[in-house]
Each structure stands twice: as structure tokens, then as C-alpha cells.
Amino acid sequence: MQELNHWRPRRAVLPALIALLCIALQSAGLSDTLRFDRGTIDAGQWWLLLSCNFVHLGMHHLLLNLAGLGLVYLLLWSHYSDKHWVAITLLSSLTVGLGLYLWNPELRWYVGFSGTLHGLLIAGAIADTRRFPISGGILLALVVAKLIWEQIYGAMPGSEDIAGGRVIVDSHLYGALCGCVYGLTHALLKRSSASNARAD
């Protein structure tokens, strides 16, 4: 993981904007309007597959996810440019929405940034292993172990009490899978580019 004195305040603009967007939507009372709602999506409002990731059950749920975003910023943000973080955020969010729509037909509604957050964590941890193999590998292993636990046993103990409602653990899996694909693809492209540069 990057040392904390390596992060630069100006790089905080994007995560701050994401946090402000979530806070603004929550304060405006738009959770019900922008949440994943299967019936409404079936009626043609496909943007809910994306917007549902940026609204929350309540302030406790929101603050929990923003704390996770802050952790990603402090430990992993230096590994990608802002344009890559935008891409990871949007792709992970869409993957969560589509995954829930296609593979969780019993799910009627969903809100929360945690699925997207797992995409950010996995993509960042994969990049982290290139610079800090031990600490990056530990972080990656911890996130993967959490995902396995959730698929076998359900939500982590106490997480539903903090969030104030049911935790949809499959959203974490879908987001993480997207982050994994992005992180591995980015690593392979960087390695290929570096090899070509040495060959030249």
C-alpha cells in the first residue's frame, strides 16, 4: 500500500465529488426515486441500474460506504489516474446493477455504494501488488476472504445492524468481479507497454 505521506490533496477531488454526490442525493430524499426497482426498470427506466449505487438506506449506511471510499483513497488512489477511477466506478456500478437484474430475479429493490466499493478495492489491490507485493497481497486476500464468507454464510456479523437493513452480498461479488477484470486488464496492458518500450 502507498505510504500515507505520498497522497496529494488535489487527488482528493474525485472521491470528494463522489461523496458529495451521494450526500446530496441522500439529503434530497431521492433514494426511493433512484433506487434499483425491478418493476420500474422493466418499464424502461434503465438508468436505475447505475443510479441505485449512489443512494442509500439512511445516513448510517451512507457514512459506512463513505468510510470505505476514504480507505480506498488513502491506501490505493495513487495507483490509477482519475480517469481510470471514473471508469472503474462507472463500470463497477453498472456491473452491480446488471448483475442484480439478471442473476437475482427475486430481488425487488436495492440501494448502496458497497458493490461499487468492492470493485474499487479489488482493482486497487491488484495494482497495489505491483508496487507492494506483500501488503497488496494481504489486502487482496482479505477482500477475497470476505467475499467467500459472504457467499457461504451471508453478510458479515454486525454489518446489517450498522447499515440499517439487509446487505445484498451478491452486489459485492459483482462489483469485485468487475474490479478484478479491470485491474488485471490494466496490469497486462501496462506490462505489454513496458515490454514494447524495452524492445524499442
C-alpha atoms as a PDB file:
ATOM      1  CA  MET A   1       0.000   0.000   0.000  1.00  0.00           C
ATOM      2  CA  GLN A   2       1.168   3.518  -0.618  1.00  0.00           C
ATOM      3  CA  GLU A   3       2.631   5.401   2.325  1.00  0.00           C
ATOM      4  CA  LEU A   4       0.156   7.980   3.556  1.00  0.00           C
ATOM      5  CA  ASN A   5       2.573  10.862   3.009  1.00  0.00           C
ATOM      6  CA  HIS A   6       2.551  10.097  -0.723  1.00  0.00           C
ATOM      7  CA  TRP A   7      -1.070  11.055  -1.266  1.00  0.00           C
ATOM      8  CA  ARG A   8      -1.739  14.528  -2.595  1.00  0.00           C
ATOM      9  CA  PRO A   9      -4.736  16.664  -1.585  1.00  0.00           C
ATOM     10  CA  ARG A  10      -5.526  17.616  -5.201  1.00  0.00           C
ATOM     11  CA  ARG A  11      -6.139  13.950  -5.993  1.00  0.00           C
ATOM     12  CA  ALA A  12      -8.948  14.066  -3.434  1.00  0.00           C
ATOM     13  CA  VAL A  13     -11.226  15.987  -5.810  1.00  0.00           C
ATOM     14  CA  LEU A  14     -12.784  12.915  -7.452  1.00  0.00           C
ATOM     15  CA  PRO A  15     -13.520  10.910  -4.289  1.00  0.00           C
ATOM     16  CA  ALA A  16     -14.814  14.125  -2.706  1.00  0.00           C
ATOM     17  CA  LEU A  17     -17.166  14.636  -5.664  1.00  0.00           C
ATOM     18  CA  ILE A  18     -18.424  11.049  -5.361  1.00  0.00           C
ATOM     19  CA  ALA A  19     -19.013  11.576  -1.646  1.00  0.00           C
ATOM     20  CA  LEU A  20     -20.789  14.894  -2.241  1.00  0.00           C
ATOM     21  CA  LEU A  21     -22.995  13.326  -4.908  1.00  0.00           C
ATOM     22  CA  CYS A  22     -24.081  10.573  -2.511  1.00  0.00           C
ATOM     23  CA  ILE A  23     -24.673  13.077   0.302  1.00  0.00           C
ATOM     24  CA  ALA A  24     -26.656  15.403  -1.980  1.00  0.00           C
ATOM     25  CA  LEU A  25     -28.892  12.597  -3.275  1.00  0.00           C
ATOM     26  CA  GLN A  26     -29.493  11.360   0.259  1.00  0.00           C
ATOM     27  CA  SER A  27     -30.238  14.849   1.589  1.00  0.00           C
ATOM     28  CA  ALA A  28     -32.647  15.456  -1.291  1.00  0.00           C
ATOM     29  CA  GLY A  29     -34.614  12.339  -0.355  1.00  0.00           C
ATOM     30  CA  LEU A  30     -34.100  10.682  -3.732  1.00  0.00           C
ATOM     31  CA  SER A  31     -33.387   7.173  -2.506  1.00  0.00           C
ATOM     32  CA  ASP A  32     -36.793   5.841  -3.473  1.00  0.00           C
ATOM     33  CA  THR A  33     -36.703   7.599  -6.846  1.00  0.00           C
ATOM     34  CA  LEU A  34     -33.212   6.459  -7.869  1.00  0.00           C
ATOM     35  CA  ARG A  35     -33.048   3.002  -6.289  1.00  0.00           C
ATOM     36  CA  PHE A  36     -32.909  -0.269  -8.192  1.00  0.00           C
ATOM     37  CA  ASP A  37     -36.579  -1.128  -8.592  1.00  0.00           C
ATOM     38  CA  ARG A  38     -37.244  -4.140 -10.789  1.00  0.00           C
ATOM     39  CA  GLY A  39     -40.711  -3.108 -11.855  1.00  0.00           C
ATOM     40  CA  THR A  40     -39.607   0.397 -12.791  1.00  0.00           C
ATOM     41  CA  ILE A  41     -36.573  -0.919 -14.660  1.00  0.00           C
ATOM     42  CA  ASP A  42     -38.813  -3.322 -16.562  1.00  0.00           C
ATOM     43  CA  ALA A  43     -40.898  -0.282 -17.538  1.00  0.00           C
ATOM     44  CA  GLY A  44     -37.856   1.225 -19.247  1.00  0.00           C
ATOM     45  CA  GLN A  45     -36.014   3.270 -16.606  1.00  0.00           C
ATOM     46  CA  TRP A  46     -32.678   1.543 -17.182  1.00  0.00           C
ATOM     47  CA  TRP A  47     -30.641   4.354 -15.617  1.00  0.00           C
ATOM     48  CA  LEU A  48     -31.695   2.993 -12.236  1.00  0.00           C
ATOM     49  CA  LEU A  49     -29.129   0.207 -12.797  1.00  0.00           C
ATOM     50  CA  LEU A  50     -26.491   2.913 -12.338  1.00  0.00           C
ATOM     51  CA  SER A  51     -28.139   5.441 -10.029  1.00  0.00           C
ATOM     52  CA  CYS A  52     -29.045   2.847  -7.384  1.00  0.00           C
ATOM     53  CA  ASN A  53     -25.393   2.644  -6.372  1.00  0.00           C
ATOM     54  CA  PHE A  54     -25.291   6.275  -5.260  1.00  0.00           C
ATOM     55  CA  VAL A  55     -28.312   6.322  -2.927  1.00  0.00           C
ATOM     56  CA  HIS A  56     -28.572   4.654   0.476  1.00  0.00           C
ATOM     57  CA  LEU A  57     -30.874   3.285   3.141  1.00  0.00           C
ATOM     58  CA  GLY A  58     -30.028   6.125   5.508  1.00  0.00           C
ATOM     59  CA  MET A  59     -27.185   8.171   6.942  1.00  0.00           C
ATOM     60  CA  HIS A  60     -25.562   5.242   8.761  1.00  0.00           C
ATOM     61  CA  HIS A  61     -25.476   3.232   5.534  1.00  0.00           C
ATOM     62  CA  LEU A  62     -24.103   6.244   3.641  1.00  0.00           C
ATOM     63  CA  LEU A  63     -21.387   7.006   6.207  1.00  0.00           C
ATOM     64  CA  LEU A  64     -20.302   3.360   6.266  1.00  0.00           C
ATOM     65  CA  ASN A  65     -19.757   3.390   2.500  1.00  0.00           C
ATOM     66  CA  LEU A  66     -18.068   6.786   2.532  1.00  0.00           C
ATOM     67  CA  ALA A  67     -15.645   5.490   5.169  1.00  0.00           C
ATOM     68  CA  GLY A  68     -14.793   2.659   2.763  1.00  0.00           C
ATOM     69  CA  LEU A  69     -14.269   5.170  -0.054  1.00  0.00           C
ATOM     70  CA  GLY A  70     -11.950   7.143   2.215  1.00  0.00           C
ATOM     71  CA  LEU A  71      -9.940   3.997   2.878  1.00  0.00           C
ATOM     72  CA  VAL A  72      -9.582   3.345  -0.853  1.00  0.00           C
ATOM     73  CA  TYR A  73      -8.427   6.927  -1.323  1.00  0.00           C
ATOM     74  CA  LEU A  74      -5.823   6.817   1.447  1.00  0.00           C
ATOM     75  CA  LEU A  75      -4.340   3.441   0.560  1.00  0.00           C
ATOM     76  CA  LEU A  76      -4.854   2.876  -3.156  1.00  0.00           C
ATOM     77  CA  TRP A  77      -5.701   6.051  -5.058  1.00  0.00           C
ATOM     78  CA  SER A  78      -2.175   6.693  -6.364  1.00  0.00           C
ATOM     79  CA  HIS A  79      -2.210   3.501  -8.458  1.00  0.00           C
ATOM     80  CA  TYR A  80      -4.573   4.865 -11.129  1.00  0.00           C
ATOM     81  CA  SER A  81      -5.268   8.213 -12.731  1.00  0.00           C
ATOM     82  CA  ASP A  82      -8.596   9.877 -12.049  1.00  0.00           C
ATOM     83  CA  LYS A  83      -9.913   8.845 -15.477  1.00  0.00           C
ATOM     84  CA  HIS A  84      -9.259   5.209 -14.552  1.00  0.00           C
ATOM     85  CA  TRP A  85     -11.046   5.632 -11.207  1.00  0.00           C
ATOM     86  CA  VAL A  86     -14.013   7.167 -13.020  1.00  0.00           C
ATOM     87  CA  ALA A  87     -14.076   4.176 -15.368  1.00  0.00           C
ATOM     88  CA  ILE A  88     -13.797   1.674 -12.511  1.00  0.00           C
ATOM     89  CA  THR A  89     -16.569   3.439 -10.584  1.00  0.00           C
ATOM     90  CA  LEU A  90     -18.982   3.559 -13.523  1.00  0.00           C
ATOM     91  CA  LEU A  91     -18.231   0.054 -14.803  1.00  0.00           C
ATOM     92  CA  SER A  92     -18.464  -1.500 -11.334  1.00  0.00           C
ATOM     93  CA  SER A  93     -21.741   0.324 -10.690  1.00  0.00           C
ATOM     94  CA  LEU A  94     -23.237  -0.863 -13.979  1.00  0.00           C
ATOM     95  CA  THR A  95     -21.999  -4.392 -13.354  1.00  0.00           C
ATOM     96  CA  VAL A  96     -23.673  -4.403  -9.946  1.00  0.00           C
ATOM     97  CA  GLY A  97     -26.953  -3.155 -11.390  1.00  0.00           C
ATOM     98  CA  LEU A  98     -26.927  -5.548 -14.340  1.00  0.00           C
ATOM     99  CA  GLY A  99     -25.772  -8.458 -12.205  1.00  0.00           C
ATOM    100  CA  LEU A 100     -28.606  -7.977  -9.735  1.00  0.00           C
ATOM    101  CA  TYR A 101     -31.117  -7.560 -12.558  1.00  0.00           C
ATOM    102  CA  LEU A 102     -30.018 -10.645 -14.482  1.00  0.00           C
ATOM    103  CA  TRP A 103     -28.980 -13.076 -11.749  1.00  0.00           C
ATOM    104  CA  ASN A 104     -31.054 -12.098  -8.733  1.00  0.00           C
ATOM    105  CA  PRO A 105     -34.601 -12.173 -10.129  1.00  0.00           C
ATOM    106  CA  GLU A 106     -36.041 -12.449  -6.618  1.00  0.00           C
ATOM    107  CA  LEU A 107     -34.584  -9.054  -5.675  1.00  0.00           C
ATOM    108  CA  ARG A 108     -37.160  -6.289  -5.967  1.00  0.00           C
ATOM    109  CA  TRP A 109     -35.083  -3.270  -4.907  1.00  0.00           C
ATOM    110  CA  TYR A 110     -31.545  -2.294  -3.923  1.00  0.00           C
ATOM    111  CA  VAL A 111     -29.513   0.761  -2.896  1.00  0.00           C
ATOM    112  CA  GLY A 112     -25.920   1.377  -1.856  1.00  0.00           C
ATOM    113  CA  PHE A 113     -22.341   2.031  -2.924  1.00  0.00           C
ATOM    114  CA  SER A 114     -20.861  -1.096  -1.342  1.00  0.00           C
ATOM    115  CA  GLY A 115     -20.905  -3.187  -4.532  1.00  0.00           C
ATOM    116  CA  THR A 116     -19.070  -0.442  -6.418  1.00  0.00           C
ATOM    117  CA  LEU A 117     -16.733  -0.063  -3.449  1.00  0.00           C
ATOM    118  CA  HIS A 118     -15.690  -3.704  -3.741  1.00  0.00           C
ATOM    119  CA  GLY A 119     -14.836  -3.065  -7.389  1.00  0.00           C
ATOM    120  CA  LEU A 120     -12.625  -0.137  -6.367  1.00  0.00           C
ATOM    121  CA  LEU A 121     -10.969  -2.218  -3.642  1.00  0.00           C
ATOM    122  CA  ILE A 122     -10.168  -5.189  -5.873  1.00  0.00           C
ATOM    123  CA  ALA A 123      -8.894  -3.075  -8.778  1.00  0.00           C
ATOM    124  CA  GLY A 124      -6.788  -1.008  -6.388  1.00  0.00           C
ATOM    125  CA  ALA A 125      -5.442  -4.043  -4.539  1.00  0.00           C
ATOM    126  CA  ILE A 126      -4.389  -5.710  -7.800  1.00  0.00           C
ATOM    127  CA  ALA A 127      -2.460  -2.573  -8.780  1.00  0.00           C
ATOM    128  CA  ASP A 128      -1.048  -2.362  -5.255  1.00  0.00           C
ATOM    129  CA  THR A 129       0.541  -5.802  -5.563  1.00  0.00           C
ATOM    130  CA  ARG A 130       2.796  -4.490  -8.352  1.00  0.00           C
ATOM    131  CA  ARG A 131       4.426  -1.929  -6.030  1.00  0.00           C
ATOM    132  CA  PHE A 132       3.899  -3.527  -2.630  1.00  0.00           C
ATOM    133  CA  PRO A 133       3.522  -7.288  -3.200  1.00  0.00           C
ATOM    134  CA  ILE A 134       3.192  -8.303   0.464  1.00  0.00           C
ATOM    135  CA  SER A 135       0.803  -5.657   1.788  1.00  0.00           C
ATOM    136  CA  GLY A 136      -1.094  -5.573  -1.515  1.00  0.00           C
ATOM    137  CA  GLY A 137      -1.418  -9.349  -1.468  1.00  0.00           C
ATOM    138  CA  ILE A 138      -2.680  -9.279   2.119  1.00  0.00           C
ATOM    139  CA  LEU A 139      -5.329  -6.684   1.264  1.00  0.00           C
ATOM    140  CA  LEU A 140      -6.405  -8.658  -1.798  1.00  0.00           C
ATOM    141  CA  ALA A 141      -6.599 -11.873   0.230  1.00  0.00           C
ATOM    142  CA  LEU A 142      -8.682 -10.182   2.930  1.00  0.00           C
ATOM    143  CA  VAL A 143     -11.220  -8.840   0.434  1.00  0.00           C
ATOM    144  CA  VAL A 144     -11.441 -12.215  -1.335  1.00  0.00           C
ATOM    145  CA  ALA A 145     -11.860 -13.996   2.031  1.00  0.00           C
ATOM    146  CA  LYS A 146     -14.689 -11.585   2.892  1.00  0.00           C
ATOM    147  CA  LEU A 147     -16.404 -12.312  -0.419  1.00  0.00           C
ATOM    148  CA  ILE A 148     -16.121 -16.077   0.133  1.00  0.00           C
ATOM    149  CA  TRP A 149     -17.513 -15.740   3.680  1.00  0.00           C
ATOM    150  CA  GLU A 150     -20.461 -13.736   2.373  1.00  0.00           C
ATOM    151  CA  GLN A 151     -21.269 -16.274  -0.328  1.00  0.00           C
ATOM    152  CA  ILE A 152     -21.237 -19.117   2.214  1.00  0.00           C
ATOM    153  CA  TYR A 153     -22.557 -17.542   5.406  1.00  0.00           C
ATOM    154  CA  GLY A 154     -24.183 -14.282   4.334  1.00  0.00           C
ATOM    155  CA  ALA A 155     -23.448 -10.749   5.491  1.00  0.00           C
ATOM    156  CA  MET A 156     -20.573 -10.117   7.878  1.00  0.00           C
ATOM    157  CA  PRO A 157     -21.668 -10.095  11.535  1.00  0.00           C
ATOM    158  CA  GLY A 158     -22.997  -6.699  12.584  1.00  0.00           C
ATOM    159  CA  SER A 159     -22.965  -5.199   9.079  1.00  0.00           C
ATOM    160  CA  GLU A 160     -26.751  -5.229   8.711  1.00  0.00           C
ATOM    161  CA  ASP A 161     -27.188  -3.528  12.081  1.00  0.00           C
ATOM    162  CA  ILE A 162     -24.794  -0.758  11.037  1.00  0.00           C
ATOM    163  CA  ALA A 163     -26.292  -0.364   7.566  1.00  0.00           C
ATOM    164  CA  GLY A 164     -29.827  -0.374   8.912  1.00  0.00           C
ATOM    165  CA  GLY A 165     -31.141  -3.054   6.582  1.00  0.00           C
ATOM    166  CA  ARG A 166     -30.411  -6.209   4.633  1.00  0.00           C
ATOM    167  CA  VAL A 167     -26.996  -6.461   2.981  1.00  0.00           C
ATOM    168  CA  ILE A 168     -27.176  -7.829  -0.578  1.00  0.00           C
ATOM    169  CA  VAL A 169     -23.867  -9.689  -0.643  1.00  0.00           C
ATOM    170  CA  ASP A 170     -24.131 -10.575  -4.335  1.00  0.00           C
ATOM    171  CA  SER A 171     -23.667  -6.890  -5.153  1.00  0.00           C
ATOM    172  CA  HIS A 172     -20.234  -7.110  -3.524  1.00  0.00           C
ATOM    173  CA  LEU A 173     -19.378 -10.113  -5.679  1.00  0.00           C
ATOM    174  CA  TYR A 174     -20.478  -8.449  -8.929  1.00  0.00           C
ATOM    175  CA  GLY A 175     -18.567  -5.271  -8.177  1.00  0.00           C
ATOM    176  CA  ALA A 176     -15.465  -7.225  -7.190  1.00  0.00           C
ATOM    177  CA  LEU A 177     -15.564  -9.274 -10.400  1.00  0.00           C
ATOM    178  CA  CYS A 178     -15.658  -6.082 -12.456  1.00  0.00           C
ATOM    179  CA  GLY A 179     -12.777  -4.623 -10.451  1.00  0.00           C
ATOM    180  CA  CYS A 180     -10.812  -7.827 -10.955  1.00  0.00           C
ATOM    181  CA  VAL A 181     -11.287  -7.772 -14.730  1.00  0.00           C
ATOM    182  CA  TYR A 182     -10.344  -4.093 -14.884  1.00  0.00           C
ATOM    183  CA  GLY A 183      -7.318  -4.463 -12.623  1.00  0.00           C
ATOM    184  CA  LEU A 184      -5.939  -7.494 -14.451  1.00  0.00           C
ATOM    185  CA  THR A 185      -6.554  -5.954 -17.882  1.00  0.00           C
ATOM    186  CA  HIS A 186      -4.830  -2.736 -16.843  1.00  0.00           C
ATOM    187  CA  ALA A 187      -1.865  -4.668 -15.414  1.00  0.00           C
ATOM    188  CA  LEU A 188      -1.483  -6.740 -18.587  1.00  0.00           C
ATOM    189  CA  LEU A 189      -1.643  -3.644 -20.798  1.00  0.00           C
ATOM    190  CA  LYS A 190       0.974  -1.877 -18.684  1.00  0.00           C
ATOM    191  CA  ARG A 191       3.250  -4.929 -18.799  1.00  0.00           C
ATOM    192  CA  SER A 192       2.820  -5.192 -22.570  1.00  0.00           C
ATOM    193  CA  SER A 193       3.558  -1.488 -22.998  1.00  0.00           C
ATOM    194  CA  ALA A 194       6.669  -1.746 -20.827  1.00  0.00           C
ATOM    195  CA  SER A 195       7.887  -4.791 -22.787  1.00  0.00           C
ATOM    196  CA  ASN A 196       7.402  -2.984 -26.098  1.00  0.00           C
ATOM    197  CA  ALA A 197       9.277   0.048 -24.777  1.00  0.00           C
ATOM    198  CA  ARG A 198      12.239  -2.139 -23.746  1.00  0.00           C
ATOM    199  CA  ALA A 199      12.195  -3.858 -27.125  1.00  0.00           C
ATOM    200  CA  ASP A 200      12.382  -0.485 -28.881  1.00  0.00           C
END
